[in-house]
Each structure stands twice: as C-alpha cells, then as structure tokens.
Amino acid sequence: MKRYSSLIVAAFCLVAVFVIGLIFMESYADETSGRRSGERVTIYTTMPAEQAGMLAAEYESLHKVHVDFVPMAPSELTEKLTDEARTRHFTADAVLADSLVLERAANKGVFVPYMSEAADSVPDEFKSDDAAWTGTWYDPVVFCYNSDYMASLPAVPRTWETFASYPKMRVGMTDFLAADASANVYLSLIAAYGEPKTLALLAAIHPKVVQYVKYLSTPVRMAGMGEVDASIATLSETIRYLGQGYPVHAVYPSDGTAYMLTGVALINENSSGAKAFLEWLLSDEAQLALHSAELYVVPTNQSLLAYKMYAGKDRVLFSKRPDFDDGQKSEMLNEWLKNVRFKD
C-alpha cells in the first residue's frame, strides 16, 4: 500500500515537472498556431459544472482563450444535438461528453471529423472509426478493498462471480438509481453477460450489502473506515481516498469491468480555438489540471506521462458498451428493483 501511494506521488511530481516545461513551449505555440488572446469557445458538456469550470479556468489562465461550458444531462444534450442537427443551426463549437452521447450524435451527422497526432495515439476502442469523436479519459470500476481485510484473505476475489459468492464479506455500493456511473455498472454487466446472469450476480451480492448509498464516494470511504470489507467503486474515487491516507486498495476485475468514457467532438470546423482546446484535452497539461482537482481518470492517450502513473497493466475493460435507450434502461432498472433490491 505504501509503495503504491509513493508511486502515485512520484509519478504525479514527474508529470508536474514535465508540464511546467510544456507551458513555456505552449506560449510560443499559441502565437504560431493562430490562437488569439481573448478568443472564446463554447462547449456543450455532460461533465459536472464544477469540474467543467475548473478546466475552463485552467485553460484560460494558460492560453488566454475563454471557454464557455454549457453543462447538460446526457438525455438533455442528446435531445439538443438532435434538434440542432435537424435545423443545422449549432450554437456550440464542440462537445465534451459521455461517449454514448457522442456516438448517437455522430450517427446524426452532427460532428466534423477531426484528426491529429494526439488523437492518433488513442487506441481504436476509445474513438469512432470515422474520426467523428475521440475519447479523452475514462474511469473504470474496481473492487475497492479495505487493506487490512484484503491482507487477511487466503485468496482475493478478482472476478465478478467470486466477488459475488465470497462468504461473510460486507459490501458497500452506490444505488443504481442514484448516479449515472453506478447505473453504468449494472447496464455494462448486462451488455457483457446478459440480464439473467447479471441479476443472479447482484442477487448473490445483495445480502452482503451493508447499505445502498447515494454518492459514488461513500462506498470508498466506508471501506477506508472499515465499515465494509469491500466496495464496488470507481477508480477515481478510490485513488482520491488513497491519496488522503485511507487504507484502501483497488483491484481490477480480471474478467472485465465497466467504465465511463468521456470524449470530445468538433462541431465548428472554422474554430481554431475549439481545435486547440480539443488537442489540450489530450495532453499532460490537462491531466495535471484534473489531478489538481482530485479527479483521477485514466487518459486515453497512452503516450502521456500521466498514463504511466496508473497502476494496473491487468486492466480488462468490457468490450461491449451498454448502448441502451432510455426505455430499455428504465425496464432493466425496474427488473433489478423488483428481483433484487426489494424482493420479498
């Protein structure tokens, strides 16, 4: 555990030193690439307003370009892009959003294909085939163990089935109805294993759940405080609590795991500011800004120094994304409520 924490700190410092040098180089690049001080860029986003505002403030301080983020819920953004695609009247220069939102908008011809050297370093699984959108970072789901509990185990559960069947283990997890990232776990399991097997896995976990909580951070805190032995949690929250000294350890499910992928797409092909911002989102400089705000997501650009700081060469992500419509999602969540959460 101490070694893992030290590696995170050392890697973060290395990234910070590297990025400081980049800032000086970028100031010259701004002049030669056509970016103009005082330029404004409008971005639709599904990111929380606070996180989007942090990115905007950091970018403006470094590059003197003002970024106006317009936060929306995924369903709201999907509807807005659909309407704007129909009228061909767009009020934003680009979109930074969940990849499923981007995929649906791309199918309606909303985006302008955009390719770059940075985007070329992103694996194909994290971007569209036609360069309509590119993934910027993702947040995988992990088994978050209390370190003392984990050390006491003869064998650590590393698959969904062994985690579900492990005896006398107290579990913490976020209610699937409380957060998109939590619902994504359930929907991703269904996409990977089918609904019957997923419901069986969750039915096996249910008796061990100490509490279905409202926030993504709570299961990790509970594991760190010893209130549960293990939690189903996001990597970003696990690393955040680890950095604060909580005794937790992240284990990637060896049979695959869910993840939330954020990506970016260009709408206004004439906006040099939007193109520059898209490039910045795939840089170490952007990752440093995210880390400074304690948002520890895995960059898709594997050439970055920031990518090297994430342990877990054994990361296995589900190959099939949960691309269900709202009606299907509602039906699936109702099945979980009826057959697991509130089953008599």
Protein backbone atom coordinates (compact mmCIF):
# COMPACT_ATOMS: atom_id res chain seq x y z
CA MET A 1 0.00 0.00 0.00
CA LYS A 2 2.74 2.46 0.97
CA ARG A 3 4.65 1.54 -2.16
CA TYR A 4 1.54 2.17 -4.29
CA SER A 5 0.99 5.57 -2.67
CA SER A 6 4.65 6.52 -3.19
CA LEU A 7 4.45 5.57 -6.86
CA ILE A 8 1.41 7.81 -7.34
CA VAL A 9 3.13 10.77 -5.66
CA ALA A 10 6.37 10.24 -7.60
CA ALA A 11 4.57 9.92 -10.90
CA PHE A 12 2.46 13.00 -10.21
CA CYS A 13 5.61 15.04 -9.46
CA LEU A 14 7.23 13.82 -12.67
CA VAL A 15 4.18 14.84 -14.66
CA ALA A 16 4.12 18.24 -12.93
CA VAL A 17 7.78 18.98 -13.80
CA PHE A 18 7.20 17.94 -17.40
CA VAL A 19 4.07 20.04 -17.76
CA ILE A 20 5.75 23.17 -16.38
CA GLY A 21 8.14 22.93 -19.30
CA LEU A 22 5.25 22.44 -21.67
CA ILE A 23 3.62 25.64 -20.51
CA PHE A 24 6.58 27.69 -21.73
CA MET A 25 6.60 25.82 -25.04
CA GLU A 26 2.82 26.29 -25.44
CA SER A 27 3.11 30.06 -25.06
CA TYR A 28 5.22 30.08 -28.22
CA ALA A 29 2.94 27.59 -29.97
CA ASP A 30 -0.09 29.77 -29.29
CA GLU A 31 1.44 32.55 -31.35
CA THR A 32 2.44 30.34 -34.26
CA SER A 33 -0.72 28.18 -34.46
CA GLY A 34 -3.20 31.01 -34.85
CA ARG A 35 -4.68 31.09 -31.37
CA ARG A 36 -5.69 34.61 -30.43
CA SER A 37 -5.74 36.09 -26.96
CA GLY A 38 -9.32 36.85 -25.97
CA GLU A 39 -10.85 34.21 -28.25
CA ARG A 40 -14.00 32.47 -26.95
CA VAL A 41 -15.03 28.84 -27.40
CA THR A 42 -18.40 27.33 -26.49
CA ILE A 43 -18.53 23.69 -25.41
CA TYR A 44 -21.58 21.56 -24.60
CA THR A 45 -20.74 19.07 -21.85
CA THR A 46 -22.15 16.36 -19.60
CA MET A 47 -19.41 16.97 -17.03
CA PRO A 48 -20.49 18.41 -13.66
CA ALA A 49 -20.44 22.22 -13.77
CA GLU A 50 -17.74 22.45 -11.09
CA GLN A 51 -15.33 20.17 -12.97
CA ALA A 52 -16.02 21.85 -16.30
CA GLY A 53 -15.48 25.26 -14.73
CA MET A 54 -12.13 24.13 -13.35
CA LEU A 55 -10.95 23.02 -16.80
CA ALA A 56 -12.13 26.28 -18.36
CA ALA A 57 -10.36 28.42 -15.75
CA GLU A 58 -7.11 26.46 -16.10
CA TYR A 59 -7.12 26.65 -19.90
CA GLU A 60 -7.86 30.37 -19.92
CA SER A 61 -5.08 31.08 -17.42
CA LEU A 62 -2.58 29.22 -19.57
CA HIS A 63 -3.69 30.11 -23.10
CA LYS A 64 -5.78 33.30 -22.76
CA VAL A 65 -8.73 31.67 -24.53
CA HIS A 66 -12.09 31.79 -22.76
CA VAL A 67 -14.02 28.51 -22.74
CA ASP A 68 -17.77 28.72 -22.08
CA PHE A 69 -19.01 25.33 -20.92
CA VAL A 70 -22.74 24.62 -21.13
CA PRO A 71 -23.42 21.67 -18.76
CA MET A 72 -26.38 19.38 -19.52
CA ALA A 73 -27.65 15.97 -18.53
CA PRO A 74 -26.89 13.26 -21.13
CA SER A 75 -30.55 12.98 -22.20
CA GLU A 76 -30.88 16.76 -22.45
CA LEU A 77 -27.74 17.06 -24.56
CA THR A 78 -28.80 14.23 -26.83
CA GLU A 79 -32.13 15.97 -27.44
CA LYS A 80 -30.46 19.33 -28.08
CA LEU A 81 -27.96 17.91 -30.57
CA THR A 82 -30.78 16.06 -32.33
CA ASP A 83 -32.76 19.30 -32.68
CA GLU A 84 -29.74 21.25 -33.89
CA ALA A 85 -28.84 18.53 -36.37
CA ARG A 86 -32.33 18.80 -37.83
CA THR A 87 -32.14 22.59 -38.26
CA ARG A 88 -28.38 22.64 -38.97
CA HIS A 89 -28.12 25.57 -36.58
CA PHE A 90 -25.45 24.87 -33.96
CA THR A 91 -24.68 27.20 -31.07
CA ALA A 92 -21.57 25.40 -29.77
CA ASP A 93 -18.12 24.83 -31.24
CA ALA A 94 -17.54 21.39 -29.73
CA VAL A 95 -18.88 18.78 -27.30
CA LEU A 96 -17.18 17.16 -24.29
CA ALA A 97 -19.46 14.37 -23.11
CA ASP A 98 -20.10 10.73 -22.34
CA SER A 99 -19.11 8.62 -25.33
CA LEU A 100 -22.59 7.16 -25.77
CA VAL A 101 -23.98 10.68 -26.24
CA LEU A 102 -21.25 11.38 -28.78
CA GLU A 103 -21.93 8.16 -30.65
CA ARG A 104 -25.62 8.93 -31.04
CA ALA A 105 -24.92 12.48 -32.19
CA ALA A 106 -22.28 11.26 -34.64
CA ASN A 107 -24.85 8.94 -36.20
CA LYS A 108 -26.94 12.03 -36.99
CA GLY A 109 -24.03 13.77 -38.72
CA VAL A 110 -23.56 16.44 -36.05
CA PHE A 111 -19.77 16.40 -35.91
CA VAL A 112 -16.94 17.40 -38.22
CA PRO A 113 -14.26 14.66 -38.49
CA TYR A 114 -11.10 15.79 -36.75
CA MET A 115 -7.73 14.02 -36.74
CA SER A 116 -4.46 14.92 -35.04
CA GLU A 117 -1.23 13.38 -33.81
CA ALA A 118 -2.57 13.26 -30.25
CA ALA A 119 -5.81 11.57 -31.35
CA ASP A 120 -3.76 9.06 -33.34
CA SER A 121 -2.20 7.91 -30.04
CA VAL A 122 -5.64 6.96 -28.69
CA PRO A 123 -6.48 3.24 -29.15
CA ASP A 124 -9.28 2.46 -31.60
CA GLU A 125 -11.56 1.17 -28.82
CA PHE A 126 -11.77 4.72 -27.42
CA LYS A 127 -12.73 6.60 -30.59
CA SER A 128 -15.04 6.41 -33.58
CA ASP A 129 -13.88 4.79 -36.80
CA ASP A 130 -14.59 7.92 -38.85
CA ALA A 131 -12.81 10.40 -36.52
CA ALA A 132 -16.14 11.99 -35.56
CA TRP A 133 -15.20 11.86 -31.85
CA THR A 134 -12.23 10.87 -29.71
CA GLY A 135 -12.17 9.60 -26.13
CA THR A 136 -10.18 11.79 -23.75
CA TRP A 137 -10.24 9.81 -20.49
CA TYR A 138 -12.15 7.05 -18.73
CA ASP A 139 -13.00 5.99 -15.18
CA PRO A 140 -13.10 2.19 -14.66
CA VAL A 141 -14.97 0.34 -11.92
CA VAL A 142 -12.87 -1.58 -9.39
CA PHE A 143 -13.26 -3.74 -6.31
CA CYS A 144 -12.15 -1.40 -3.54
CA TYR A 145 -10.89 -3.45 -0.59
CA ASN A 146 -10.08 -2.38 2.94
CA SER A 147 -6.34 -3.07 3.07
CA ASP A 148 -6.41 -4.96 6.38
CA TYR A 149 -9.29 -7.13 5.23
CA MET A 150 -7.55 -7.81 1.93
CA ALA A 151 -4.36 -8.86 3.74
CA SER A 152 -6.36 -11.39 5.79
CA LEU A 153 -7.77 -13.20 2.76
CA PRO A 154 -6.32 -16.53 1.60
CA ALA A 155 -7.29 -15.53 -1.94
CA VAL A 156 -8.57 -12.15 -3.10
CA PRO A 157 -11.79 -12.29 -5.18
CA ARG A 158 -10.84 -10.93 -8.60
CA THR A 159 -13.82 -11.81 -10.75
CA TRP A 160 -17.45 -10.72 -10.55
CA GLU A 161 -18.54 -14.27 -9.77
CA THR A 162 -16.02 -14.86 -6.97
CA PHE A 163 -16.77 -11.40 -5.54
CA ALA A 164 -20.49 -12.18 -5.55
CA SER A 165 -20.08 -15.62 -3.97
CA TYR A 166 -17.39 -14.81 -1.37
CA PRO A 167 -18.78 -15.64 2.10
CA LYS A 168 -19.17 -13.25 5.04
CA MET A 169 -17.96 -10.19 3.14
CA ARG A 170 -19.56 -6.84 3.96
CA VAL A 171 -20.11 -4.84 0.77
CA GLY A 172 -20.73 -1.18 0.02
CA MET A 173 -22.11 0.13 -3.26
CA THR A 174 -23.94 3.10 -4.74
CA ASP A 175 -27.60 2.64 -5.57
CA PHE A 176 -28.02 2.17 -9.31
CA LEU A 177 -30.74 4.83 -9.32
CA ALA A 178 -28.53 7.41 -7.59
CA ALA A 179 -25.83 8.11 -10.20
CA ASP A 180 -25.18 7.54 -13.91
CA ALA A 181 -21.79 5.98 -13.16
CA SER A 182 -23.43 3.48 -10.82
CA ALA A 183 -26.23 2.61 -13.26
CA ASN A 184 -23.50 2.13 -15.87
CA VAL A 185 -22.08 -0.76 -13.79
CA TYR A 186 -25.40 -2.59 -13.94
CA LEU A 187 -26.03 -1.86 -17.61
CA SER A 188 -22.45 -2.81 -18.56
CA LEU A 189 -22.80 -6.15 -16.78
CA ILE A 190 -25.99 -6.78 -18.75
CA ALA A 191 -24.24 -5.87 -22.01
CA ALA A 192 -21.41 -8.26 -21.16
CA TYR A 193 -23.24 -11.18 -19.52
CA GLY A 194 -26.93 -10.77 -20.28
CA GLU A 195 -29.71 -9.81 -17.90
CA PRO A 196 -30.35 -13.21 -16.22
CA LYS A 197 -26.71 -13.75 -15.19
CA THR A 198 -26.34 -10.13 -14.09
CA LEU A 199 -29.43 -10.33 -11.87
CA ALA A 200 -28.11 -13.60 -10.41
CA LEU A 201 -24.75 -11.96 -9.59
CA LEU A 202 -26.41 -8.97 -7.96
CA ALA A 203 -28.83 -11.22 -6.05
CA ALA A 204 -25.80 -13.03 -4.59
CA ILE A 205 -24.19 -9.71 -3.58
CA HIS A 206 -27.39 -8.17 -2.19
CA PRO A 207 -27.47 -9.93 1.23
CA LYS A 208 -23.93 -8.68 1.91
CA VAL A 209 -24.64 -5.04 1.07
CA VAL A 210 -24.47 -3.02 4.28
CA GLN A 211 -26.07 -0.01 2.61
CA TYR A 212 -27.00 1.20 -0.87
CA VAL A 213 -25.71 4.77 -0.74
CA LYS A 214 -26.37 7.92 -2.78
CA TYR A 215 -22.89 9.12 -3.66
CA LEU A 216 -20.01 7.49 -5.59
CA SER A 217 -17.52 8.46 -2.90
CA THR A 218 -19.36 6.89 0.04
CA PRO A 219 -18.55 3.19 -0.65
CA VAL A 220 -14.83 4.02 -0.78
CA ARG A 221 -15.00 5.98 2.47
CA MET A 222 -16.85 3.07 4.09
CA ALA A 223 -14.11 0.65 3.00
CA GLY A 224 -11.42 3.00 4.27
CA MET A 225 -13.16 3.36 7.64
CA GLY A 226 -13.64 -0.39 7.99
CA GLU A 227 -17.44 -0.08 7.85
CA VAL A 228 -17.41 -2.55 4.94
CA ASP A 229 -14.79 -5.03 3.77
CA ALA A 230 -15.07 -4.21 0.08
CA SER A 231 -16.93 -1.88 -2.24
CA ILE A 232 -17.86 -1.67 -5.88
CA ALA A 233 -16.44 1.74 -6.73
CA THR A 234 -14.84 3.93 -9.38
CA LEU A 235 -11.07 4.06 -9.70
CA SER A 236 -11.07 7.87 -9.43
CA GLU A 237 -12.75 7.86 -6.01
CA THR A 238 -10.54 5.01 -4.78
CA ILE A 239 -7.34 6.85 -5.72
CA ARG A 240 -8.67 10.09 -4.22
CA TYR A 241 -9.20 8.44 -0.84
CA LEU A 242 -5.93 6.55 -1.12
CA GLY A 243 -4.15 9.87 -1.59
CA GLN A 244 -5.82 11.14 1.59
CA GLY A 245 -4.32 8.25 3.55
CA TYR A 246 -7.28 5.86 3.71
CA PRO A 247 -6.26 2.15 3.82
CA VAL A 248 -7.89 1.02 0.58
CA HIS A 249 -6.67 -0.99 -2.38
CA ALA A 250 -8.07 -1.13 -5.92
CA VAL A 251 -8.38 -4.48 -7.71
CA TYR A 252 -9.48 -4.60 -11.34
CA PRO A 253 -11.99 -7.38 -12.06
CA SER A 254 -9.96 -9.83 -14.10
CA ASP A 255 -12.94 -10.86 -16.22
CA GLY A 256 -13.60 -7.30 -17.33
CA THR A 257 -15.09 -4.16 -15.89
CA ALA A 258 -17.41 -1.28 -16.65
CA TYR A 259 -16.11 2.20 -17.34
CA MET A 260 -17.36 5.68 -18.11
CA LEU A 261 -15.64 7.09 -21.20
CA THR A 262 -15.59 10.84 -21.78
CA GLY A 263 -14.82 12.08 -25.27
CA VAL A 264 -14.69 15.20 -27.39
CA ALA A 265 -16.01 16.13 -30.83
CA LEU A 266 -15.79 19.14 -33.10
CA ILE A 267 -18.89 20.94 -34.42
CA ASN A 268 -17.49 24.18 -35.82
CA GLU A 269 -14.72 23.32 -38.28
CA ASN A 270 -13.78 27.01 -38.57
CA SER A 271 -12.99 27.42 -34.88
CA SER A 272 -9.22 27.27 -34.39
CA GLY A 273 -9.84 27.80 -30.68
CA ALA A 274 -12.03 24.70 -30.44
CA LYS A 275 -9.43 22.60 -32.27
CA ALA A 276 -6.70 23.82 -29.94
CA PHE A 277 -8.84 23.02 -26.90
CA LEU A 278 -9.52 19.52 -28.23
CA GLU A 279 -5.77 19.00 -28.52
CA TRP A 280 -5.24 20.30 -24.99
CA LEU A 281 -7.72 17.80 -23.55
CA LEU A 282 -5.46 15.01 -24.82
CA SER A 283 -2.36 16.50 -23.17
CA ASP A 284 -0.44 16.03 -19.92
CA GLU A 285 -1.28 19.63 -19.12
CA ALA A 286 -5.00 18.82 -18.98
CA GLN A 287 -4.32 15.72 -16.89
CA LEU A 288 -2.39 17.83 -14.38
CA ALA A 289 -5.37 20.15 -14.13
CA LEU A 290 -7.67 17.19 -13.47
CA HIS A 291 -5.31 15.77 -10.85
CA SER A 292 -5.08 19.14 -9.13
CA ALA A 293 -8.86 18.95 -8.72
CA GLU A 294 -8.53 15.36 -7.38
CA LEU A 295 -10.16 13.89 -10.46
CA TYR A 296 -8.09 10.80 -11.18
CA VAL A 297 -9.26 9.48 -14.54
CA VAL A 298 -7.20 7.36 -16.92
CA PRO A 299 -6.11 9.24 -20.07
CA THR A 300 -6.84 7.52 -23.37
CA ASN A 301 -3.68 8.99 -24.93
CA GLN A 302 -1.21 6.29 -23.93
CA SER A 303 1.79 8.40 -24.95
CA LEU A 304 1.26 10.72 -21.98
CA LEU A 305 3.39 10.64 -18.86
CA ALA A 306 0.12 10.81 -16.90
CA TYR A 307 -0.89 7.44 -18.35
CA LYS A 308 2.22 5.85 -16.84
CA MET A 309 1.18 6.80 -13.29
CA TYR A 310 -1.81 4.49 -13.31
CA ALA A 311 -1.01 1.04 -12.00
CA GLY A 312 -2.89 -1.87 -13.48
CA LYS A 313 -1.41 -3.37 -16.59
CA ASP A 314 -4.02 -6.10 -15.99
CA ARG A 315 -6.89 -3.72 -16.72
CA VAL A 316 -9.55 -5.55 -18.72
CA LEU A 317 -12.46 -3.43 -19.94
CA PHE A 318 -15.76 -4.79 -21.17
CA SER A 319 -15.63 -4.77 -24.96
CA LYS A 320 -19.36 -4.12 -25.37
CA ARG A 321 -20.72 -0.74 -24.26
CA PRO A 322 -24.23 -0.54 -22.73
CA ASP A 323 -25.89 1.39 -25.55
CA PHE A 324 -29.49 1.06 -24.40
CA ASP A 325 -32.20 3.64 -24.95
CA ASP A 326 -33.99 5.30 -22.04
CA GLY A 327 -36.93 2.90 -22.22
CA GLN A 328 -34.68 -0.15 -22.06
CA LYS A 329 -32.71 1.33 -19.17
CA SER A 330 -35.89 2.00 -17.23
CA GLU A 331 -37.12 -1.57 -17.76
CA MET A 332 -33.78 -3.05 -16.69
CA LEU A 333 -33.57 -0.92 -13.56
CA ASN A 334 -37.13 -1.92 -12.67
CA GLU A 335 -36.13 -5.58 -13.00
CA TRP A 336 -33.29 -5.01 -10.54
CA LEU A 337 -35.61 -3.22 -8.11
CA LYS A 338 -38.21 -5.97 -8.34
CA ASN A 339 -35.95 -9.04 -8.37
CA VAL A 340 -33.03 -7.92 -6.19
CA ARG A 341 -33.29 -4.63 -4.30
CA PHE A 342 -36.83 -5.03 -2.92
CA LYS A 343 -37.52 -8.69 -3.49
CA ASP A 344 -39.63 -10.18 -0.71
